[in-house]
Amino acid sequence: MIGLYFSGTGNSKYCIEKFLHQYDKTAKAYPIEDISSFNEINEHEIIVMAYPVQYSNIPKILSDFIENHKTLWQGKQIFIIATMALFSGDGTGVLARKLKKYGAQIIGGIHITMPDSIADEKVLKRSFKQNKKLISRADEKIKKAVEKIKNNKPPQEGIGLFCQLAGLLGQRLYFYHKTKEYSDKLKIDSEKCIGCGKCVKLCPMKNLELKNKTLISKNKCTLCYRCINDCPKQALTLLGKQVVSQHKIDKYL
């Protein structure tokens, strides 16, 4: 067994590492940006995949990863962990259907509510105490999911026709365009930016670049919010006009 994940502010990374620790302490998790993950996928039959749901859909970077390496999934047994700040309907299901197209066998899946990472919007913001409780509940849910899998009763959360309709009508039908292509909406406040380059190193898309100490975007953002939540000067925004509060998983551990 191996873990494979895409994570913005660390929620999905945290959940998959907790899962593997409960199930098999020798198993390792790899981000999809890590090129060594290709060899690991080939060598293992059972894969746990974790990712953050965006508008009840798959982040563009993860969707492309699956499609660009479609031969990797044939015959693989996959359990899916979908992290989210709000009910998504079929967070696990939407990824399951894509993987099935390329020959994967879906074991099951779970939805896990985690602290919201959309730093430049006021909606879905919770207090520090509430976010700590979310982490505690996530730990318990992961523990129970592992127990069910070991008893040959893997949870099927988010998988099925009813869940698919809930995801479609809840958000995906109205916001499909948000994840269909990479975004060109990332905004850089040149007066706040100090050219530290932290965001350049963090971006999974290599979308940001420093030229003569000026930060520029290449308009290929996958909405992960890494840069926005890590910027020391809060110089980056995407959906909103200013940063409301920055949230990374480390803040609550």
C-alpha atoms as a PDB file:
ATOM      1  CA  MET A   1       0.000   0.000   0.000  1.00  0.00           C
ATOM      2  CA  ILE A   2       1.066   3.557  -0.725  1.00  0.00           C
ATOM      3  CA  GLY A   3      -0.506   6.968  -0.292  1.00  0.00           C
ATOM      4  CA  LEU A   4      -0.824   9.466  -3.120  1.00  0.00           C
ATOM      5  CA  TYR A   5      -2.077  12.981  -2.554  1.00  0.00           C
ATOM      6  CA  PHE A   6      -2.461  16.525  -3.708  1.00  0.00           C
ATOM      7  CA  SER A   7      -2.646  19.066  -0.905  1.00  0.00           C
ATOM      8  CA  GLY A   8      -2.914  22.839  -0.740  1.00  0.00           C
ATOM      9  CA  THR A   9      -2.586  23.955   2.868  1.00  0.00           C
ATOM     10  CA  GLY A  10      -1.807  20.483   4.237  1.00  0.00           C
ATOM     11  CA  ASN A  11      -5.284  19.128   5.031  1.00  0.00           C
ATOM     12  CA  SER A  12      -5.180  16.219   2.591  1.00  0.00           C
ATOM     13  CA  LYS A  13      -1.544  15.451   3.416  1.00  0.00           C
ATOM     14  CA  TYR A  14      -2.404  15.324   7.102  1.00  0.00           C
ATOM     15  CA  CYS A  15      -5.380  13.003   6.546  1.00  0.00           C
ATOM     16  CA  ILE A  16      -3.577  10.524   4.338  1.00  0.00           C
ATOM     17  CA  GLU A  17      -0.596  10.323   6.686  1.00  0.00           C
ATOM     18  CA  LYS A  18      -2.964   9.703   9.614  1.00  0.00           C
ATOM     19  CA  PHE A  19      -4.721   6.998   7.614  1.00  0.00           C
ATOM     20  CA  LEU A  20      -1.499   5.219   6.691  1.00  0.00           C
ATOM     21  CA  HIS A  21      -0.223   5.429  10.269  1.00  0.00           C
ATOM     22  CA  GLN A  22      -3.399   3.679  11.432  1.00  0.00           C
ATOM     23  CA  TYR A  23      -3.421   1.078   8.672  1.00  0.00           C
ATOM     24  CA  ASP A  24       0.237   0.310   7.974  1.00  0.00           C
ATOM     25  CA  LYS A  25       3.004   2.304   9.637  1.00  0.00           C
ATOM     26  CA  THR A  26       5.483   1.189   6.976  1.00  0.00           C
ATOM     27  CA  ALA A  27       3.443   2.688   4.122  1.00  0.00           C
ATOM     28  CA  LYS A  28       4.548   6.031   2.707  1.00  0.00           C
ATOM     29  CA  ALA A  29       2.615   8.893   1.115  1.00  0.00           C
ATOM     30  CA  TYR A  30       3.800  10.789  -1.959  1.00  0.00           C
ATOM     31  CA  PRO A  31       2.614  14.101  -3.407  1.00  0.00           C
ATOM     32  CA  ILE A  32       1.650  13.920  -7.073  1.00  0.00           C
ATOM     33  CA  GLU A  33       4.353  16.525  -7.804  1.00  0.00           C
ATOM     34  CA  ASP A  34       7.018  14.017  -6.693  1.00  0.00           C
ATOM     35  CA  ILE A  35       8.295  12.254  -9.808  1.00  0.00           C
ATOM     36  CA  SER A  36       9.277   9.198  -7.750  1.00  0.00           C
ATOM     37  CA  SER A  37       5.565   8.559  -7.187  1.00  0.00           C
ATOM     38  CA  PHE A  38       5.349   7.001 -10.680  1.00  0.00           C
ATOM     39  CA  ASN A  39       7.598   4.103  -9.704  1.00  0.00           C
ATOM     40  CA  GLU A  40       5.790   3.647  -6.409  1.00  0.00           C
ATOM     41  CA  ILE A  41       2.401   3.467  -8.129  1.00  0.00           C
ATOM     42  CA  ASN A  42       3.713   0.787 -10.487  1.00  0.00           C
ATOM     43  CA  GLU A  43       5.024  -1.298  -7.613  1.00  0.00           C
ATOM     44  CA  HIS A  44       1.900  -1.269  -5.428  1.00  0.00           C
ATOM     45  CA  GLU A  45      -1.575  -2.642  -6.054  1.00  0.00           C
ATOM     46  CA  ILE A  46      -3.369  -0.798  -3.253  1.00  0.00           C
ATOM     47  CA  ILE A  47      -3.370   3.002  -3.272  1.00  0.00           C
ATOM     48  CA  VAL A  48      -4.923   5.505  -0.892  1.00  0.00           C
ATOM     49  CA  MET A  49      -5.575   8.824  -2.629  1.00  0.00           C
ATOM     50  CA  ALA A  50      -6.366  12.114  -0.888  1.00  0.00           C
ATOM     51  CA  TYR A  51      -7.240  15.497  -2.310  1.00  0.00           C
ATOM     52  CA  PRO A  52      -9.136  18.727  -1.507  1.00  0.00           C
ATOM     53  CA  VAL A  53     -12.495  19.088  -3.243  1.00  0.00           C
ATOM     54  CA  GLN A  54     -12.947  22.287  -5.274  1.00  0.00           C
ATOM     55  CA  TYR A  55     -16.523  23.267  -6.157  1.00  0.00           C
ATOM     56  CA  SER A  56     -17.544  19.584  -5.756  1.00  0.00           C
ATOM     57  CA  ASN A  57     -14.898  18.713  -8.333  1.00  0.00           C
ATOM     58  CA  ILE A  58     -11.299  17.562  -8.771  1.00  0.00           C
ATOM     59  CA  PRO A  59      -8.523  20.181  -8.853  1.00  0.00           C
ATOM     60  CA  LYS A  60      -7.260  20.670 -12.395  1.00  0.00           C
ATOM     61  CA  ILE A  61      -3.729  19.585 -11.469  1.00  0.00           C
ATOM     62  CA  LEU A  62      -4.983  16.230 -10.130  1.00  0.00           C
ATOM     63  CA  SER A  63      -7.335  15.691 -13.052  1.00  0.00           C
ATOM     64  CA  ASP A  64      -4.448  16.247 -15.476  1.00  0.00           C
ATOM     65  CA  PHE A  65      -2.180  13.945 -13.474  1.00  0.00           C
ATOM     66  CA  ILE A  66      -4.669  11.090 -13.741  1.00  0.00           C
ATOM     67  CA  GLU A  67      -5.305  11.647 -17.447  1.00  0.00           C
ATOM     68  CA  ASN A  68      -1.650  12.112 -18.368  1.00  0.00           C
ATOM     69  CA  HIS A  69      -0.730   8.835 -16.662  1.00  0.00           C
ATOM     70  CA  LYS A  70      -3.857   6.837 -17.465  1.00  0.00           C
ATOM     71  CA  THR A  71      -2.024   3.523 -17.877  1.00  0.00           C
ATOM     72  CA  LEU A  72      -0.928   3.627 -14.223  1.00  0.00           C
ATOM     73  CA  TRP A  73      -4.405   2.951 -12.848  1.00  0.00           C
ATOM     74  CA  GLN A  74      -5.267  -0.320 -14.604  1.00  0.00           C
ATOM     75  CA  GLY A  75      -6.071  -2.952 -11.969  1.00  0.00           C
ATOM     76  CA  LYS A  76      -5.160  -0.739  -9.007  1.00  0.00           C
ATOM     77  CA  GLN A  77      -7.332  -0.946  -5.882  1.00  0.00           C
ATOM     78  CA  ILE A  78      -7.954   2.581  -4.662  1.00  0.00           C
ATOM     79  CA  PHE A  79      -9.448   4.065  -1.508  1.00  0.00           C
ATOM     80  CA  ILE A  80     -10.245   7.789  -1.689  1.00  0.00           C
ATOM     81  CA  ILE A  81     -10.093  10.477   0.990  1.00  0.00           C
ATOM     82  CA  ALA A  82     -11.782  13.753   0.006  1.00  0.00           C
ATOM     83  CA  THR A  83     -11.162  16.757   2.256  1.00  0.00           C
ATOM     84  CA  MET A  84     -13.453  19.775   2.236  1.00  0.00           C
ATOM     85  CA  ALA A  85     -14.643  22.784   4.207  1.00  0.00           C
ATOM     86  CA  LEU A  86     -18.286  22.141   3.316  1.00  0.00           C
ATOM     87  CA  PHE A  87     -20.429  19.187   2.190  1.00  0.00           C
ATOM     88  CA  SER A  88     -19.502  18.311  -1.408  1.00  0.00           C
ATOM     89  CA  GLY A  89     -21.962  15.525  -2.225  1.00  0.00           C
ATOM     90  CA  ASP A  90     -19.644  13.195  -4.114  1.00  0.00           C
ATOM     91  CA  GLY A  91     -16.096  14.317  -3.427  1.00  0.00           C
ATOM     92  CA  THR A  92     -14.904  10.722  -3.449  1.00  0.00           C
ATOM     93  CA  GLY A  93     -17.315   9.720  -6.196  1.00  0.00           C
ATOM     94  CA  VAL A  94     -16.185  12.256  -8.780  1.00  0.00           C
ATOM     95  CA  LEU A  95     -12.601  11.023  -8.474  1.00  0.00           C
ATOM     96  CA  ALA A  96     -13.720   7.386  -8.356  1.00  0.00           C
ATOM     97  CA  ARG A  97     -15.552   7.715 -11.663  1.00  0.00           C
ATOM     98  CA  LYS A  98     -12.505   9.217 -13.347  1.00  0.00           C
ATOM     99  CA  LEU A  99     -10.204   6.481 -12.077  1.00  0.00           C
ATOM    100  CA  LYS A 100     -12.643   3.745 -13.125  1.00  0.00           C
ATOM    101  CA  LYS A 101     -12.401   4.997 -16.714  1.00  0.00           C
ATOM    102  CA  TYR A 102      -8.769   3.912 -16.675  1.00  0.00           C
ATOM    103  CA  GLY A 103      -9.301   0.506 -15.117  1.00  0.00           C
ATOM    104  CA  ALA A 104      -9.046   1.202 -11.382  1.00  0.00           C
ATOM    105  CA  GLN A 105     -11.086  -0.716  -8.815  1.00  0.00           C
ATOM    106  CA  ILE A 106     -12.519   1.562  -6.138  1.00  0.00           C
ATOM    107  CA  ILE A 107     -12.458   0.083  -2.644  1.00  0.00           C
ATOM    108  CA  GLY A 108     -14.424   2.932  -1.055  1.00  0.00           C
ATOM    109  CA  GLY A 109     -14.015   6.419   0.303  1.00  0.00           C
ATOM    110  CA  ILE A 110     -14.631   8.963   3.062  1.00  0.00           C
ATOM    111  CA  HIS A 111     -15.337  12.689   3.239  1.00  0.00           C
ATOM    112  CA  ILE A 112     -13.493  14.669   5.904  1.00  0.00           C
ATOM    113  CA  THR A 113     -14.366  18.221   6.931  1.00  0.00           C
ATOM    114  CA  MET A 114     -11.231  20.261   7.568  1.00  0.00           C
ATOM    115  CA  PRO A 115     -10.354  23.925   8.250  1.00  0.00           C
ATOM    116  CA  ASP A 116     -11.190  26.185   5.328  1.00  0.00           C
ATOM    117  CA  SER A 117      -8.217  27.319   3.242  1.00  0.00           C
ATOM    118  CA  ILE A 118      -9.876  30.040   1.127  1.00  0.00           C
ATOM    119  CA  ALA A 119      -7.943  32.799   2.856  1.00  0.00           C
ATOM    120  CA  ASP A 120      -9.407  35.750   0.943  1.00  0.00           C
ATOM    121  CA  GLU A 121     -13.099  35.059   1.611  1.00  0.00           C
ATOM    122  CA  LYS A 122     -15.063  35.497   4.854  1.00  0.00           C
ATOM    123  CA  VAL A 123     -17.377  32.529   4.218  1.00  0.00           C
ATOM    124  CA  LEU A 124     -16.746  29.230   6.026  1.00  0.00           C
ATOM    125  CA  LYS A 125     -14.357  30.792   8.524  1.00  0.00           C
ATOM    126  CA  ARG A 126     -14.342  29.117  11.926  1.00  0.00           C
ATOM    127  CA  SER A 127     -12.676  29.967  15.198  1.00  0.00           C
ATOM    128  CA  PHE A 128      -9.371  28.442  16.245  1.00  0.00           C
ATOM    129  CA  LYS A 129     -11.208  26.256  18.763  1.00  0.00           C
ATOM    130  CA  GLN A 130     -13.685  25.046  16.146  1.00  0.00           C
ATOM    131  CA  ASN A 131     -10.881  24.157  13.744  1.00  0.00           C
ATOM    132  CA  LYS A 132      -9.105  22.218  16.469  1.00  0.00           C
ATOM    133  CA  LYS A 133     -12.307  20.228  16.960  1.00  0.00           C
ATOM    134  CA  LEU A 134     -12.469  19.516  13.229  1.00  0.00           C
ATOM    135  CA  ILE A 135      -8.989  18.002  13.367  1.00  0.00           C
ATOM    136  CA  SER A 136      -9.967  15.857  16.340  1.00  0.00           C
ATOM    137  CA  ARG A 137     -13.095  14.632  14.528  1.00  0.00           C
ATOM    138  CA  ALA A 138     -11.042  13.921  11.423  1.00  0.00           C
ATOM    139  CA  ASP A 139      -8.677  11.760  13.472  1.00  0.00           C
ATOM    140  CA  GLU A 140     -11.594   9.761  14.853  1.00  0.00           C
ATOM    141  CA  LYS A 141     -13.240   9.344  11.462  1.00  0.00           C
ATOM    142  CA  ILE A 142     -10.008   8.107   9.905  1.00  0.00           C
ATOM    143  CA  LYS A 143      -9.522   5.626  12.744  1.00  0.00           C
ATOM    144  CA  LYS A 144     -13.034   4.226  12.271  1.00  0.00           C
ATOM    145  CA  ALA A 145     -12.588   4.022   8.493  1.00  0.00           C
ATOM    146  CA  VAL A 146      -9.411   1.972   8.902  1.00  0.00           C
ATOM    147  CA  GLU A 147     -11.170  -0.363  11.318  1.00  0.00           C
ATOM    148  CA  LYS A 148     -13.986  -0.905   8.801  1.00  0.00           C
ATOM    149  CA  ILE A 149     -11.554  -1.628   5.994  1.00  0.00           C
ATOM    150  CA  LYS A 150      -9.726  -4.168   8.125  1.00  0.00           C
ATOM    151  CA  ASN A 151     -13.114  -5.806   8.792  1.00  0.00           C
ATOM    152  CA  ASN A 152     -13.772  -5.942   5.029  1.00  0.00           C
ATOM    153  CA  LYS A 153     -16.483  -3.282   5.269  1.00  0.00           C
ATOM    154  CA  PRO A 154     -14.861  -0.211   3.706  1.00  0.00           C
ATOM    155  CA  PRO A 155     -16.980   2.960   3.906  1.00  0.00           C
ATOM    156  CA  GLN A 156     -18.586   4.074   0.648  1.00  0.00           C
ATOM    157  CA  GLU A 157     -19.142   7.724   1.487  1.00  0.00           C
ATOM    158  CA  GLY A 158     -19.750   9.932  -1.555  1.00  0.00           C
ATOM    159  CA  ILE A 159     -19.996   6.993  -3.948  1.00  0.00           C
ATOM    160  CA  GLY A 160     -23.291   6.253  -5.666  1.00  0.00           C
ATOM    161  CA  LEU A 161     -25.950   7.897  -7.820  1.00  0.00           C
ATOM    162  CA  PHE A 162     -27.626   9.905  -5.042  1.00  0.00           C
ATOM    163  CA  CYS A 163     -24.290  11.382  -3.994  1.00  0.00           C
ATOM    164  CA  GLN A 164     -23.455  12.146  -7.621  1.00  0.00           C
ATOM    165  CA  LEU A 165     -26.663  14.131  -7.997  1.00  0.00           C
ATOM    166  CA  ALA A 166     -25.971  15.967  -4.737  1.00  0.00           C
ATOM    167  CA  GLY A 167     -22.524  16.990  -5.951  1.00  0.00           C
ATOM    168  CA  LEU A 168     -23.776  17.980  -9.373  1.00  0.00           C
ATOM    169  CA  LEU A 169     -26.686  20.086  -8.131  1.00  0.00           C
ATOM    170  CA  GLY A 170     -24.850  21.397  -5.077  1.00  0.00           C
ATOM    171  CA  GLN A 171     -21.925  23.100  -6.829  1.00  0.00           C
ATOM    172  CA  ARG A 172     -20.437  21.342  -9.847  1.00  0.00           C
ATOM    173  CA  LEU A 173     -23.215  22.209 -12.298  1.00  0.00           C
ATOM    174  CA  TYR A 174     -22.836  25.919 -11.572  1.00  0.00           C
ATOM    175  CA  PHE A 175     -19.071  26.164 -11.073  1.00  0.00           C
ATOM    176  CA  TYR A 176     -17.702  23.542 -13.460  1.00  0.00           C
ATOM    177  CA  HIS A 177     -15.816  26.257 -15.364  1.00  0.00           C
ATOM    178  CA  LYS A 178     -13.798  27.035 -12.225  1.00  0.00           C
ATOM    179  CA  THR A 179     -11.923  23.722 -12.434  1.00  0.00           C
ATOM    180  CA  LYS A 180     -12.164  22.976 -16.143  1.00  0.00           C
ATOM    181  CA  GLU A 181      -9.138  25.147 -16.917  1.00  0.00           C
ATOM    182  CA  TYR A 182      -6.324  26.656 -14.887  1.00  0.00           C
ATOM    183  CA  SER A 183      -7.121  30.091 -13.500  1.00  0.00           C
ATOM    184  CA  ASP A 184      -5.668  33.430 -14.568  1.00  0.00           C
ATOM    185  CA  LYS A 185      -7.301  35.280 -11.660  1.00  0.00           C
ATOM    186  CA  LEU A 186      -4.394  35.275  -9.186  1.00  0.00           C
ATOM    187  CA  LYS A 187      -3.716  38.866  -8.148  1.00  0.00           C
ATOM    188  CA  ILE A 188      -0.380  40.233  -6.898  1.00  0.00           C
ATOM    189  CA  ASP A 189      -0.186  43.416  -4.831  1.00  0.00           C
ATOM    190  CA  SER A 190       3.183  44.796  -5.926  1.00  0.00           C
ATOM    191  CA  GLU A 191       3.186  47.312  -3.080  1.00  0.00           C
ATOM    192  CA  LYS A 192       2.966  44.563  -0.462  1.00  0.00           C
ATOM    193  CA  CYS A 193       5.170  41.965  -2.175  1.00  0.00           C
ATOM    194  CA  ILE A 194       8.774  41.968  -0.896  1.00  0.00           C
ATOM    195  CA  GLY A 195      10.089  39.481  -3.469  1.00  0.00           C
ATOM    196  CA  CYS A 196      10.992  36.820  -0.885  1.00  0.00           C
ATOM    197  CA  GLY A 197      10.273  34.008  -3.359  1.00  0.00           C
ATOM    198  CA  LYS A 198       8.500  31.784  -0.834  1.00  0.00           C
ATOM    199  CA  CYS A 199       5.434  31.464  -3.049  1.00  0.00           C
ATOM    200  CA  VAL A 200       7.581  30.589  -6.069  1.00  0.00           C
ATOM    201  CA  LYS A 201       8.982  27.561  -4.248  1.00  0.00           C
ATOM    202  CA  LEU A 202       5.580  26.460  -2.968  1.00  0.00           C
ATOM    203  CA  CYS A 203       3.571  26.616  -6.195  1.00  0.00           C
ATOM    204  CA  PRO A 204       2.896  23.103  -7.575  1.00  0.00           C
ATOM    205  CA  MET A 205       2.273  24.548 -11.048  1.00  0.00           C
ATOM    206  CA  LYS A 206       5.450  26.661 -11.254  1.00  0.00           C
ATOM    207  CA  ASN A 207       2.977  29.433 -11.965  1.00  0.00           C
ATOM    208  CA  LEU A 208       4.901  32.142 -10.111  1.00  0.00           C
ATOM    209  CA  GLU A 209       8.230  33.627 -11.079  1.00  0.00           C
ATOM    210  CA  LEU A 210      10.470  36.425  -9.824  1.00  0.00           C
ATOM    211  CA  LYS A 211      11.900  38.660 -12.524  1.00  0.00           C
ATOM    212  CA  ASN A 212      14.180  41.452 -11.343  1.00  0.00           C
ATOM    213  CA  LYS A 213      12.623  41.049  -7.873  1.00  0.00           C
ATOM    214  CA  THR A 214       9.136  41.500  -9.345  1.00  0.00           C
ATOM    215  CA  LEU A 215       6.665  38.660  -8.881  1.00  0.00           C
ATOM    216  CA  ILE A 216       4.685  37.621 -11.948  1.00  0.00           C
ATOM    217  CA  SER A 217       1.983  35.025 -12.575  1.00  0.00           C
ATOM    218  CA  LYS A 218       1.932  32.808 -15.665  1.00  0.00           C
ATOM    219  CA  ASN A 219      -1.858  32.451 -15.424  1.00  0.00           C
ATOM    220  CA  LYS A 220      -1.788  28.731 -14.654  1.00  0.00           C
ATOM    221  CA  CYS A 221      -3.180  28.581 -11.121  1.00  0.00           C
ATOM    222  CA  THR A 222      -4.811  25.391  -9.820  1.00  0.00           C
ATOM    223  CA  LEU A 223      -6.601  27.156  -6.901  1.00  0.00           C
ATOM    224  CA  CYS A 224      -4.683  25.317  -4.173  1.00  0.00           C
ATOM    225  CA  TYR A 225      -4.133  28.483  -2.073  1.00  0.00           C
ATOM    226  CA  ARG A 226      -0.628  27.507  -0.953  1.00  0.00           C
ATOM    227  CA  CYS A 227       0.893  30.841  -1.917  1.00  0.00           C
ATOM    228  CA  ILE A 228      -1.929  32.921  -0.443  1.00  0.00           C
ATOM    229  CA  ASN A 229      -1.845  31.153   2.909  1.00  0.00           C
ATOM    230  CA  ASP A 230       1.956  31.334   3.145  1.00  0.00           C
ATOM    231  CA  CYS A 231       2.685  34.856   1.929  1.00  0.00           C
ATOM    232  CA  PRO A 232       4.261  36.754   4.865  1.00  0.00           C
ATOM    233  CA  LYS A 233       2.912  40.075   3.571  1.00  0.00           C
ATOM    234  CA  GLN A 234      -0.509  38.832   2.394  1.00  0.00           C
ATOM    235  CA  ALA A 235       0.263  40.179  -1.068  1.00  0.00           C
ATOM    236  CA  LEU A 236      -1.642  37.515  -3.012  1.00  0.00           C
ATOM    237  CA  THR A 237      -5.380  37.031  -3.517  1.00  0.00           C
ATOM    238  CA  LEU A 238      -7.502  34.918  -5.828  1.00  0.00           C
ATOM    239  CA  LEU A 239     -11.259  35.013  -5.196  1.00  0.00           C
ATOM    240  CA  GLY A 240     -11.438  37.950  -2.803  1.00  0.00           C
ATOM    241  CA  LYS A 241      -9.780  41.345  -2.736  1.00  0.00           C
ATOM    242  CA  GLN A 242      -7.851  40.947   0.515  1.00  0.00           C
ATOM    243  CA  VAL A 243      -6.687  38.192   2.837  1.00  0.00           C
ATOM    244  CA  VAL A 244      -9.134  37.624   5.687  1.00  0.00           C
ATOM    245  CA  SER A 245      -7.139  34.990   7.571  1.00  0.00           C
ATOM    246  CA  GLN A 246      -4.420  32.536   6.628  1.00  0.00           C
ATOM    247  CA  HIS A 247      -4.915  28.872   7.430  1.00  0.00           C
ATOM    248  CA  LYS A 248      -2.418  26.030   7.263  1.00  0.00           C
ATOM    249  CA  ILE A 249      -2.846  22.695   8.991  1.00  0.00           C
ATOM    250  CA  ASP A 250       0.249  23.313  11.156  1.00  0.00           C
ATOM    251  CA  LYS A 251      -1.642  26.108  12.879  1.00  0.00           C
ATOM    252  CA  TYR A 252      -3.970  23.603  14.558  1.00  0.00           C
ATOM    253  CA  LEU A 253      -1.608  20.759  15.451  1.00  0.00           C
END
